Amino acid sequence: MGLMDGIKKAVDNVADAVSEAGHKSTAEAEHAKRDVAGDAMTPGEKASSMVNEGKENLLGGVDHAKRDVRENT
């Protein structure tokens, strides 16, 4: 691997780490929103929040997996 490949790999890893952190914090915020609002949320709002939390966790997992694959190739 050349110097430029190493730099690109490092930049891509940092970008994916930042993206993963953003997705994970958004998922945590969705969970906290349900904890705080509790029964004030309608069942539809709770379901939507749970779906959003799951989506953000999934997207964060994808970013993590991309870094793992990049490191092992």
C-alpha atoms as a PDB file:
ATOM      1  CA  MET A   1       0.000   0.000   0.000  1.00  0.00           C
ATOM      2  CA  GLY A   2       1.354   3.373  -0.988  1.00  0.00           C
ATOM      3  CA  LEU A   3       1.380   6.550   1.020  1.00  0.00           C
ATOM      4  CA  MET A   4      -1.630   7.969  -0.821  1.00  0.00           C
ATOM      5  CA  ASP A   5      -3.622   4.773  -0.226  1.00  0.00           C
ATOM      6  CA  GLY A   6      -2.798   4.962   3.476  1.00  0.00           C
ATOM      7  CA  ILE A   7      -3.889   8.586   3.661  1.00  0.00           C
ATOM      8  CA  LYS A   8      -7.149   7.843   1.840  1.00  0.00           C
ATOM      9  CA  LYS A   9      -7.819   4.906   4.159  1.00  0.00           C
ATOM     10  CA  ALA A  10      -7.209   7.078   7.226  1.00  0.00           C
ATOM     11  CA  VAL A  11      -9.460   9.858   5.927  1.00  0.00           C
ATOM     12  CA  ASP A  12     -12.224   7.366   5.101  1.00  0.00           C
ATOM     13  CA  ASN A  13     -11.924   5.786   8.552  1.00  0.00           C
ATOM     14  CA  VAL A  14     -12.222   9.157  10.274  1.00  0.00           C
ATOM     15  CA  ALA A  15     -15.232  10.106   8.144  1.00  0.00           C
ATOM     16  CA  ASP A  16     -16.960   6.818   8.949  1.00  0.00           C
ATOM     17  CA  ALA A  17     -16.155   7.153  12.665  1.00  0.00           C
ATOM     18  CA  VAL A  18     -17.673  10.641  12.761  1.00  0.00           C
ATOM     19  CA  SER A  19     -20.714   9.438  10.852  1.00  0.00           C
ATOM     20  CA  GLU A  20     -21.117   6.444  13.179  1.00  0.00           C
ATOM     21  CA  ALA A  21     -20.921   8.674  16.253  1.00  0.00           C
ATOM     22  CA  GLY A  22     -23.574  10.968  14.799  1.00  0.00           C
ATOM     23  CA  HIS A  23     -25.926   8.082  14.089  1.00  0.00           C
ATOM     24  CA  LYS A  24     -25.386   6.545  17.529  1.00  0.00           C
ATOM     25  CA  SER A  25     -26.024   9.851  19.310  1.00  0.00           C
ATOM     26  CA  THR A  26     -29.190  10.415  17.273  1.00  0.00           C
ATOM     27  CA  ALA A  27     -30.382   6.929  18.258  1.00  0.00           C
ATOM     28  CA  GLU A  28     -29.665   7.671  21.909  1.00  0.00           C
ATOM     29  CA  ALA A  29     -31.560  10.964  21.633  1.00  0.00           C
ATOM     30  CA  GLU A  30     -34.598   9.131  20.233  1.00  0.00           C
ATOM     31  CA  HIS A  31     -34.502   6.704  23.143  1.00  0.00           C
ATOM     32  CA  ALA A  32     -34.136   9.544  25.653  1.00  0.00           C
ATOM     33  CA  LYS A  33     -37.034  11.380  24.028  1.00  0.00           C
ATOM     34  CA  ARG A  34     -39.292   8.388  24.716  1.00  0.00           C
ATOM     35  CA  ASP A  35     -37.993   8.087  28.273  1.00  0.00           C
ATOM     36  CA  VAL A  36     -38.701  11.748  29.000  1.00  0.00           C
ATOM     37  CA  ALA A  37     -42.053  12.064  27.201  1.00  0.00           C
ATOM     38  CA  GLY A  38     -43.340   8.718  28.441  1.00  0.00           C
ATOM     39  CA  ASP A  39     -47.116   8.522  28.307  1.00  0.00           C
ATOM     40  CA  ALA A  40     -47.387  11.971  26.733  1.00  0.00           C
ATOM     41  CA  MET A  41     -46.434  10.391  23.412  1.00  0.00           C
ATOM     42  CA  THR A  42     -49.103   8.698  21.352  1.00  0.00           C
ATOM     43  CA  PRO A  43     -48.545   5.076  20.362  1.00  0.00           C
ATOM     44  CA  GLY A  44     -47.816   6.274  16.814  1.00  0.00           C
ATOM     45  CA  GLU A  45     -45.211   8.736  18.034  1.00  0.00           C
ATOM     46  CA  LYS A  46     -43.573   6.046  20.150  1.00  0.00           C
ATOM     47  CA  ALA A  47     -43.521   3.630  17.229  1.00  0.00           C
ATOM     48  CA  SER A  48     -42.058   6.267  14.929  1.00  0.00           C
ATOM     49  CA  SER A  49     -39.395   7.104  17.503  1.00  0.00           C
ATOM     50  CA  MET A  50     -38.517   3.424  17.901  1.00  0.00           C
ATOM     51  CA  VAL A  51     -38.201   3.030  14.130  1.00  0.00           C
ATOM     52  CA  ASN A  52     -35.975   6.113  13.947  1.00  0.00           C
ATOM     53  CA  GLU A  53     -33.807   4.768  16.768  1.00  0.00           C
ATOM     54  CA  GLY A  54     -33.457   1.428  14.998  1.00  0.00           C
ATOM     55  CA  LYS A  55     -32.647   3.095  11.693  1.00  0.00           C
ATOM     56  CA  GLU A  56     -29.945   5.272  13.249  1.00  0.00           C
ATOM     57  CA  ASN A  57     -28.421   2.281  15.072  1.00  0.00           C
ATOM     58  CA  LEU A  58     -28.386   0.356  11.794  1.00  0.00           C
ATOM     59  CA  LEU A  59     -26.727   3.216   9.905  1.00  0.00           C
ATOM     60  CA  GLY A  60     -24.115   3.544  12.658  1.00  0.00           C
ATOM     61  CA  GLY A  61     -23.484  -0.185  12.399  1.00  0.00           C
ATOM     62  CA  VAL A  62     -22.967   0.120   8.652  1.00  0.00           C
ATOM     63  CA  ASP A  63     -20.337   2.813   9.177  1.00  0.00           C
ATOM     64  CA  HIS A  64     -18.625   0.619  11.766  1.00  0.00           C
ATOM     65  CA  ALA A  65     -18.679  -2.371   9.410  1.00  0.00           C
ATOM     66  CA  LYS A  66     -17.183  -0.298   6.593  1.00  0.00           C
ATOM     67  CA  ARG A  67     -14.249   0.570   8.836  1.00  0.00           C
ATOM     68  CA  ASP A  68     -13.842  -3.071   9.845  1.00  0.00           C
ATOM     69  CA  VAL A  69     -13.812  -4.213   6.228  1.00  0.00           C
ATOM     70  CA  ARG A  70     -11.362  -1.485   5.275  1.00  0.00           C
ATOM     71  CA  GLU A  71      -9.012  -2.511   8.081  1.00  0.00           C
ATOM     72  CA  ASN A  72      -9.115  -6.196   7.141  1.00  0.00           C
ATOM     73  CA  THR A  73      -8.461  -5.816   3.415  1.00  0.00           C
END
